[in-house]
Amino acid sequence: MDYFDINDPAIRAKIIIENEKAFAFPTNIPIVPGHTLICPKRPVSRIDELLIDERNAIFDLQER
C-alpha cells in the first residue's frame, strides 16, 4: 500500500494545515471543489490502527 509521505516535497508544498499528528492537503483529483485529505503522519493501513491521539488530531484538523 502506498502512503502519503509528509516529507515528499510535492506533498509538503500543498499542506494547508497540520498539527503534531496529522496534516491536510487538497487532492489531485477533487471529487468536489475544496476536497481535502486529512492524513495521519504515522502510516497505517486501516483507521482502527490509529492511536486515540492520532484520531483526535485528525478530528481537530477537520474542525479547523
Protein backbone atom coordinates (compact mmCIF):
# COMPACT_ATOMS: atom_id res chain seq x y z
CA MET A 1 0.00 0.00 0.00
CA ASP A 2 1.23 3.50 -0.83
CA TYR A 3 1.28 6.14 1.86
CA PHE A 4 1.34 9.92 1.73
CA ASP A 5 4.82 10.91 2.84
CA ILE A 6 4.74 14.27 4.60
CA ASN A 7 8.43 14.69 3.73
CA ASP A 8 7.75 14.42 -0.01
CA PRO A 9 8.33 17.97 -1.37
CA ALA A 10 5.28 17.67 -3.65
CA ILE A 11 3.03 16.90 -0.65
CA ARG A 12 4.79 19.31 1.73
CA ALA A 13 4.20 22.19 -0.70
CA LYS A 14 0.43 21.53 -0.70
CA ILE A 15 -0.14 21.25 3.06
CA ILE A 16 -2.97 23.54 4.13
CA ILE A 17 -2.79 22.84 7.86
CA GLU A 18 -1.07 20.41 10.19
CA ASN A 19 -0.63 19.57 13.82
CA GLU A 20 1.67 17.20 15.71
CA LYS A 21 -0.03 14.01 14.48
CA ALA A 22 -1.82 14.83 11.20
CA PHE A 23 -1.76 17.01 8.09
CA ALA A 24 -4.22 18.12 5.41
CA PHE A 25 -3.78 18.87 1.72
CA PRO A 26 -6.03 19.18 -1.36
CA THR A 27 -6.39 16.11 -3.54
CA ASN A 28 -5.01 15.98 -7.08
CA ILE A 29 -8.40 14.90 -8.41
CA PRO A 30 -11.04 16.55 -6.20
CA ILE A 31 -14.49 14.98 -6.04
CA VAL A 32 -15.94 18.41 -5.23
CA PRO A 33 -14.28 21.85 -5.02
CA GLY A 34 -12.24 22.08 -1.83
CA HIS A 35 -11.95 18.29 -1.42
CA THR A 36 -9.13 17.82 1.11
CA LEU A 37 -7.39 14.76 2.54
CA ILE A 38 -6.53 14.63 6.24
CA CYS A 39 -3.85 12.05 6.92
CA PRO A 40 -2.03 10.83 10.00
CA LYS A 41 1.70 11.46 9.98
CA ARG A 42 2.30 7.86 11.05
CA PRO A 43 1.50 5.43 8.22
CA VAL A 44 -1.27 2.94 8.99
CA SER A 45 -3.24 0.58 6.75
CA ARG A 46 -6.60 0.98 8.46
CA ILE A 47 -8.26 3.64 10.58
CA ASP A 48 -8.63 1.25 13.51
CA GLU A 49 -4.81 1.13 13.73
CA LEU A 50 -4.72 4.80 14.73
CA LEU A 51 -3.99 5.68 18.33
CA ILE A 52 -6.60 7.82 20.10
CA ASP A 53 -4.36 10.91 19.99
CA GLU A 54 -3.93 10.45 16.23
CA ARG A 55 -7.69 10.20 15.73
CA ASN A 56 -8.18 13.30 17.88
CA ALA A 57 -5.55 15.15 15.82
CA ILE A 58 -7.40 14.27 12.60
CA PHE A 59 -10.74 15.44 14.02
CA ASP A 60 -9.05 18.64 15.26
CA LEU A 61 -7.94 19.45 11.71
CA GLN A 62 -11.39 18.59 10.38
CA GLU A 63 -12.98 21.13 12.71
CA ARG A 64 -10.48 23.83 11.83
